[in-house]
Amino acid sequence: MVLFAPSGFLTCPSSLTLKSRVRVSQTILPKRLHQPFLLFSTHHQKLIQMEPQRSISCAIQTGENGSPITSTPEAVVSVARIGEVKRITKETNVHVKLNLDGSGISDSSTCIPFLDHMLDQLASHGLFDVHVKASGDIHIDDHHTNEDVALAIGTALLQALGDRKGINRFGDFSAPLDEALIHVSLDLSGRPYLGYDLHIPTERVGTYDTQLVEHFFQSLVNTSGMTLHIRQLAGKNSHHIMEATFKAFARALRQATEYDPRRRGTVPSSKGVLSRS
């Protein structure tokens, strides 16, 4: 095997391994070529002069355990996808910041403890950075704050997705939590629809009205333009059913928003466009 590169242009990350098998010599080319080049050869018996190549790169990079390392296609611009929304009404004041390319940071304070706990699940299992600050008329009940937080998160998701180029678009995940098992399937289609089939046995978990789970996802679907199906496959404990729902949703959304390297930055639709309308 013979490889060539001018000095300073060897870019193969596995070159340290190559050094043990390769010897390097410097040869002056004929006068018509004024710059020296480096000649790499695994054959000690013969040196072959060739035109210098611009660079050497590895088709496959490997990690420490030998597994291949995948990277985002060049067609996909490496820019953080962030949505930020402020929603102020006579009933609530909500500020949401959502980073789809985050690391699972959660900083949520909605004055509804159980909802904060669920937003922690969204961040942790989706690997999104979720920042939510909300205040509202919870002296009446949690309905308006729960709704407006979800509306703002859906709008922030819509902003962060942009034209949706290069994403997987579809997400599907089943999350178990002890006796509960919840299946979530979603499509970032631009068409809002919620299919909801949870059977939560109690009216409240802590102070949180369990009816608000459906209303939360309906509100998020309406502003994000998402098709979302939630199905309960098993479960008796209300807390487990609700928490497994948010975990399954987080993982399905993570799948859908991640990049498909084979798509090379194109819109995942035969129509060529995915829009909220």
Protein backbone atom coordinates (compact mmCIF):
# COMPACT_ATOMS: atom_id res chain seq x y z
CA MET A 1 0.00 0.00 0.00
CA VAL A 2 1.32 3.44 -0.93
CA LEU A 3 -0.10 6.68 0.46
CA PHE A 4 1.07 10.22 -0.33
CA ALA A 5 0.59 13.61 1.32
CA PRO A 6 2.49 16.90 1.47
CA SER A 7 3.89 17.80 4.84
CA GLY A 8 1.27 18.88 7.38
CA PHE A 9 -1.71 17.43 5.51
CA LEU A 10 -1.98 13.96 7.07
CA THR A 11 -5.46 13.99 8.57
CA CYS A 12 -6.20 10.36 9.20
CA PRO A 13 -6.96 9.99 12.94
CA SER A 14 -5.54 6.49 12.87
CA SER A 15 -2.11 7.73 11.72
CA LEU A 16 -0.59 6.83 15.08
CA THR A 17 -1.27 3.19 14.33
CA LEU A 18 0.02 3.65 10.78
CA LYS A 19 3.36 5.01 11.98
CA SER A 20 4.48 1.65 13.27
CA ARG A 21 4.17 0.16 9.79
CA VAL A 22 5.19 3.06 7.59
CA ARG A 23 8.55 4.65 6.88
CA VAL A 24 8.88 8.20 5.70
CA SER A 25 11.44 9.62 3.29
CA GLN A 26 11.71 12.99 1.63
CA THR A 27 12.50 13.12 -2.06
CA ILE A 28 13.23 16.13 -4.24
CA LEU A 29 11.14 16.11 -7.40
CA PRO A 30 12.44 17.14 -10.81
CA LYS A 31 12.84 20.84 -11.43
CA ARG A 32 9.40 21.16 -12.96
CA LEU A 33 7.99 20.49 -9.49
CA HIS A 34 9.57 22.81 -6.97
CA GLN A 35 8.07 21.52 -3.71
CA PRO A 36 9.24 18.39 -1.94
CA PHE A 37 6.67 15.81 -0.95
CA LEU A 38 6.51 13.04 1.62
CA LEU A 39 6.45 9.49 0.41
CA PHE A 40 4.80 6.82 2.56
CA SER A 41 5.27 3.16 1.72
CA THR A 42 4.76 -0.12 3.51
CA HIS A 43 7.22 -1.76 1.05
CA HIS A 44 10.88 -1.41 2.04
CA GLN A 45 12.19 -2.69 -1.27
CA LYS A 46 10.92 -0.01 -3.60
CA LEU A 47 10.00 3.66 -3.54
CA ILE A 48 7.59 4.95 -6.17
CA GLN A 49 7.41 8.61 -7.13
CA MET A 50 3.91 9.99 -7.81
CA GLU A 51 2.19 13.33 -7.98
CA PRO A 52 1.59 14.61 -4.44
CA GLN A 53 -1.98 14.33 -3.17
CA ARG A 54 -3.74 17.16 -1.42
CA SER A 55 -4.71 15.23 1.70
CA ILE A 56 -5.32 11.87 3.26
CA SER A 57 -8.53 11.20 5.14
CA CYS A 58 -10.04 8.09 6.67
CA ALA A 59 -13.35 6.81 5.36
CA ILE A 60 -14.18 5.32 8.74
CA GLN A 61 -13.13 6.61 12.13
CA THR A 62 -13.22 4.33 15.09
CA GLY A 63 -13.66 4.90 18.78
CA GLU A 64 -11.62 3.43 21.61
CA ASN A 65 -13.59 0.18 21.47
CA GLY A 66 -13.20 -0.14 17.71
CA SER A 67 -16.79 0.81 16.91
CA PRO A 68 -17.38 3.26 14.05
CA ILE A 69 -17.97 6.92 14.85
CA THR A 70 -20.81 8.51 12.91
CA SER A 71 -21.03 12.21 12.23
CA THR A 72 -23.64 14.65 11.00
CA PRO A 73 -23.59 14.99 7.19
CA GLU A 74 -21.89 18.08 5.80
CA ALA A 75 -25.20 19.09 4.23
CA VAL A 76 -26.64 19.60 7.70
CA VAL A 77 -25.47 22.87 9.20
CA SER A 78 -24.16 22.39 12.70
CA VAL A 79 -26.23 25.05 14.44
CA ALA A 80 -27.99 24.56 17.76
CA ARG A 81 -31.74 24.30 17.30
CA ILE A 82 -33.24 26.51 19.97
CA GLY A 83 -36.74 27.88 20.43
CA GLU A 84 -37.64 30.55 22.95
CA VAL A 85 -41.17 31.76 23.73
CA LYS A 86 -42.72 34.22 26.14
CA ARG A 87 -46.47 33.93 26.61
CA ILE A 88 -48.19 36.52 28.77
CA THR A 89 -51.92 36.60 29.39
CA LYS A 90 -54.20 37.84 32.14
CA GLU A 91 -54.05 34.34 33.57
CA THR A 92 -50.39 33.31 33.18
CA ASN A 93 -46.85 34.49 32.54
CA VAL A 94 -44.75 31.79 30.85
CA HIS A 95 -41.18 31.76 29.53
CA VAL A 96 -39.87 28.67 27.75
CA LYS A 97 -36.47 27.98 26.20
CA LEU A 98 -35.94 24.65 24.47
CA ASN A 99 -32.67 23.34 22.99
CA LEU A 100 -33.14 20.19 20.91
CA ASP A 101 -29.38 19.58 20.81
CA GLY A 102 -28.85 19.87 24.53
CA SER A 103 -27.60 17.45 27.16
CA GLY A 104 -30.63 16.92 29.36
CA ILE A 105 -30.47 20.06 31.50
CA SER A 106 -33.76 20.81 33.22
CA ASP A 107 -34.58 24.08 34.93
CA SER A 108 -38.33 24.19 35.35
CA SER A 109 -40.44 26.09 37.85
CA THR A 110 -44.14 26.21 37.03
CA CYS A 111 -45.58 26.38 40.58
CA ILE A 112 -47.04 22.93 39.82
CA PRO A 113 -44.68 20.40 41.45
CA PHE A 114 -45.85 17.32 39.53
CA LEU A 115 -45.62 19.16 36.18
CA ASP A 116 -42.05 20.21 37.06
CA HIS A 117 -41.29 16.54 37.70
CA MET A 118 -42.69 15.59 34.27
CA LEU A 119 -40.67 18.33 32.53
CA ASP A 120 -37.57 16.88 34.20
CA GLN A 121 -38.40 13.58 32.46
CA LEU A 122 -38.76 15.34 29.11
CA ALA A 123 -35.30 16.87 29.47
CA SER A 124 -33.53 13.85 30.93
CA HIS A 125 -34.81 11.20 28.54
CA GLY A 126 -35.02 13.38 25.45
CA LEU A 127 -31.59 14.93 26.08
CA PHE A 128 -33.16 18.33 25.53
CA ASP A 129 -32.31 21.42 27.56
CA VAL A 130 -35.67 22.54 28.96
CA HIS A 131 -36.01 25.85 30.78
CA VAL A 132 -39.53 26.78 31.91
CA LYS A 133 -40.53 29.60 34.22
CA ALA A 134 -44.23 30.07 34.78
CA SER A 135 -46.62 31.75 37.16
CA GLY A 136 -50.38 31.80 36.96
CA ASP A 137 -53.74 31.68 38.67
CA ILE A 138 -53.12 28.40 40.47
CA HIS A 139 -55.20 29.77 43.37
CA ILE A 140 -58.12 28.84 41.07
CA ASP A 141 -56.60 25.59 39.73
CA ASP A 142 -53.68 24.37 37.62
CA HIS A 143 -55.58 24.33 34.34
CA HIS A 144 -54.43 27.62 32.76
CA THR A 145 -50.79 27.27 33.77
CA ASN A 146 -50.64 23.65 32.61
CA GLU A 147 -52.20 24.63 29.26
CA ASP A 148 -50.05 27.70 28.60
CA VAL A 149 -46.82 25.92 29.50
CA ALA A 150 -47.69 23.22 26.95
CA LEU A 151 -48.67 25.79 24.31
CA ALA A 152 -45.34 27.58 24.81
CA ILE A 153 -43.31 24.35 24.66
CA GLY A 154 -45.07 23.40 21.42
CA THR A 155 -44.33 26.82 19.93
CA ALA A 156 -40.68 26.61 21.03
CA LEU A 157 -40.44 23.16 19.43
CA LEU A 158 -41.90 24.57 16.21
CA GLN A 159 -39.28 27.34 16.21
CA ALA A 160 -36.39 24.99 16.98
CA LEU A 161 -37.31 22.56 14.20
CA GLY A 162 -37.25 25.25 11.51
CA ASP A 163 -37.68 23.72 8.06
CA ARG A 164 -37.13 20.22 9.54
CA LYS A 165 -34.46 19.34 6.99
CA GLY A 166 -32.48 16.17 7.69
CA ILE A 167 -34.46 14.95 10.68
CA ASN A 168 -35.87 11.46 11.14
CA ARG A 169 -39.37 12.96 11.47
CA PHE A 170 -40.91 9.83 13.03
CA GLY A 171 -40.45 8.60 16.59
CA ASP A 172 -41.72 5.48 18.34
CA PHE A 173 -41.00 4.25 21.85
CA SER A 174 -42.49 2.11 24.59
CA ALA A 175 -41.47 2.93 28.16
CA PRO A 176 -42.03 0.60 31.12
CA LEU A 177 -42.19 1.82 34.68
CA ASP A 178 -42.77 -1.07 37.05
CA GLU A 179 -46.24 -2.43 36.20
CA ALA A 180 -46.99 0.39 33.73
CA LEU A 181 -46.16 0.25 30.03
CA ILE A 182 -46.87 3.18 27.70
CA HIS A 183 -46.40 3.31 23.94
CA VAL A 184 -45.91 6.63 22.12
CA SER A 185 -45.70 7.10 18.37
CA LEU A 186 -45.34 10.52 16.74
CA ASP A 187 -44.82 12.25 13.43
CA LEU A 188 -43.45 15.78 13.08
CA SER A 189 -45.70 16.17 10.08
CA GLY A 190 -46.96 19.72 10.57
CA ARG A 191 -50.48 18.32 11.07
CA PRO A 192 -51.75 18.48 14.68
CA TYR A 193 -53.58 15.42 15.93
CA LEU A 194 -53.72 13.67 19.31
CA GLY A 195 -54.78 10.07 19.83
CA TYR A 196 -54.97 9.55 23.60
CA ASP A 197 -55.82 6.32 25.41
CA LEU A 198 -54.69 6.44 29.03
CA HIS A 199 -56.73 5.03 31.88
CA ILE A 200 -55.50 6.78 35.01
CA PRO A 201 -57.32 5.31 38.01
CA THR A 202 -57.20 8.30 40.38
CA GLU A 203 -58.35 11.87 39.94
CA ARG A 204 -55.17 13.36 41.37
CA VAL A 205 -51.50 12.64 41.91
CA GLY A 206 -50.46 14.93 44.72
CA THR A 207 -52.25 18.17 43.86
CA TYR A 208 -52.13 17.56 40.08
CA ASP A 209 -55.43 16.81 38.33
CA THR A 210 -54.80 13.72 36.17
CA GLN A 211 -57.18 15.07 33.50
CA LEU A 212 -54.55 17.70 32.78
CA VAL A 213 -52.21 15.13 31.20
CA GLU A 214 -54.41 14.86 28.11
CA HIS A 215 -54.89 18.62 28.00
CA PHE A 216 -51.12 19.16 28.22
CA PHE A 217 -50.42 16.98 25.18
CA GLN A 218 -53.37 18.37 23.21
CA SER A 219 -52.05 21.91 23.74
CA LEU A 220 -48.50 20.92 22.78
CA VAL A 221 -49.74 19.16 19.64
CA ASN A 222 -51.82 22.15 18.58
CA THR A 223 -48.92 24.60 18.51
CA SER A 224 -46.13 22.28 17.35
CA GLY A 225 -47.99 20.68 14.46
CA MET A 226 -47.35 17.13 15.63
CA THR A 227 -49.27 13.91 15.11
CA LEU A 228 -49.12 12.10 18.46
CA HIS A 229 -50.55 8.77 19.59
CA ILE A 230 -50.36 7.66 23.22
CA ARG A 231 -51.47 4.19 24.27
CA GLN A 232 -51.50 2.51 27.67
CA LEU A 233 -50.52 -1.13 27.33
CA ALA A 234 -50.45 -1.84 31.08
CA GLY A 235 -50.57 -0.01 34.38
CA LYS A 236 -52.45 0.39 37.67
CA ASN A 237 -50.52 3.08 39.51
CA SER A 238 -51.44 6.62 38.43
CA HIS A 239 -48.00 8.08 39.04
CA HIS A 240 -46.31 5.28 37.08
CA ILE A 241 -48.71 5.63 34.14
CA MET A 242 -48.18 9.39 33.86
CA GLU A 243 -44.42 9.30 34.33
CA ALA A 244 -43.98 6.49 31.81
CA THR A 245 -46.02 8.57 29.35
CA PHE A 246 -43.64 11.53 29.59
CA LYS A 247 -40.60 9.26 29.37
CA ALA A 248 -41.91 7.49 26.28
CA PHE A 249 -42.82 10.84 24.71
CA ALA A 250 -39.33 12.21 25.42
CA ARG A 251 -37.60 9.25 23.78
CA ALA A 252 -39.92 9.25 20.76
CA LEU A 253 -39.41 12.99 20.28
CA ARG A 254 -35.67 12.53 20.58
CA GLN A 255 -35.76 9.93 17.78
CA ALA A 256 -37.86 12.17 15.56
CA THR A 257 -35.74 15.30 15.99
CA GLU A 258 -32.35 13.62 15.51
CA TYR A 259 -30.63 13.77 12.13
CA ASP A 260 -30.75 10.93 9.61
CA PRO A 261 -27.23 10.83 8.05
CA ARG A 262 -28.54 9.19 4.88
CA ARG A 263 -30.98 12.02 4.22
CA ARG A 264 -28.13 14.53 3.76
CA GLY A 265 -30.08 17.56 4.92
CA THR A 266 -33.19 17.08 2.80
CA VAL A 267 -36.77 17.40 4.01
CA PRO A 268 -38.17 13.98 5.03
CA SER A 269 -41.28 14.22 2.89
CA SER A 270 -42.19 13.14 -0.63
CA LYS A 271 -43.82 16.58 -1.01
CA GLY A 272 -40.51 18.26 -0.28
CA VAL A 273 -41.87 20.37 2.56
CA LEU A 274 -43.13 19.92 6.12
CA SER A 275 -45.07 22.88 7.44
CA ARG A 276 -47.29 23.72 10.39
CA SER A 277 -50.18 24.45 7.99
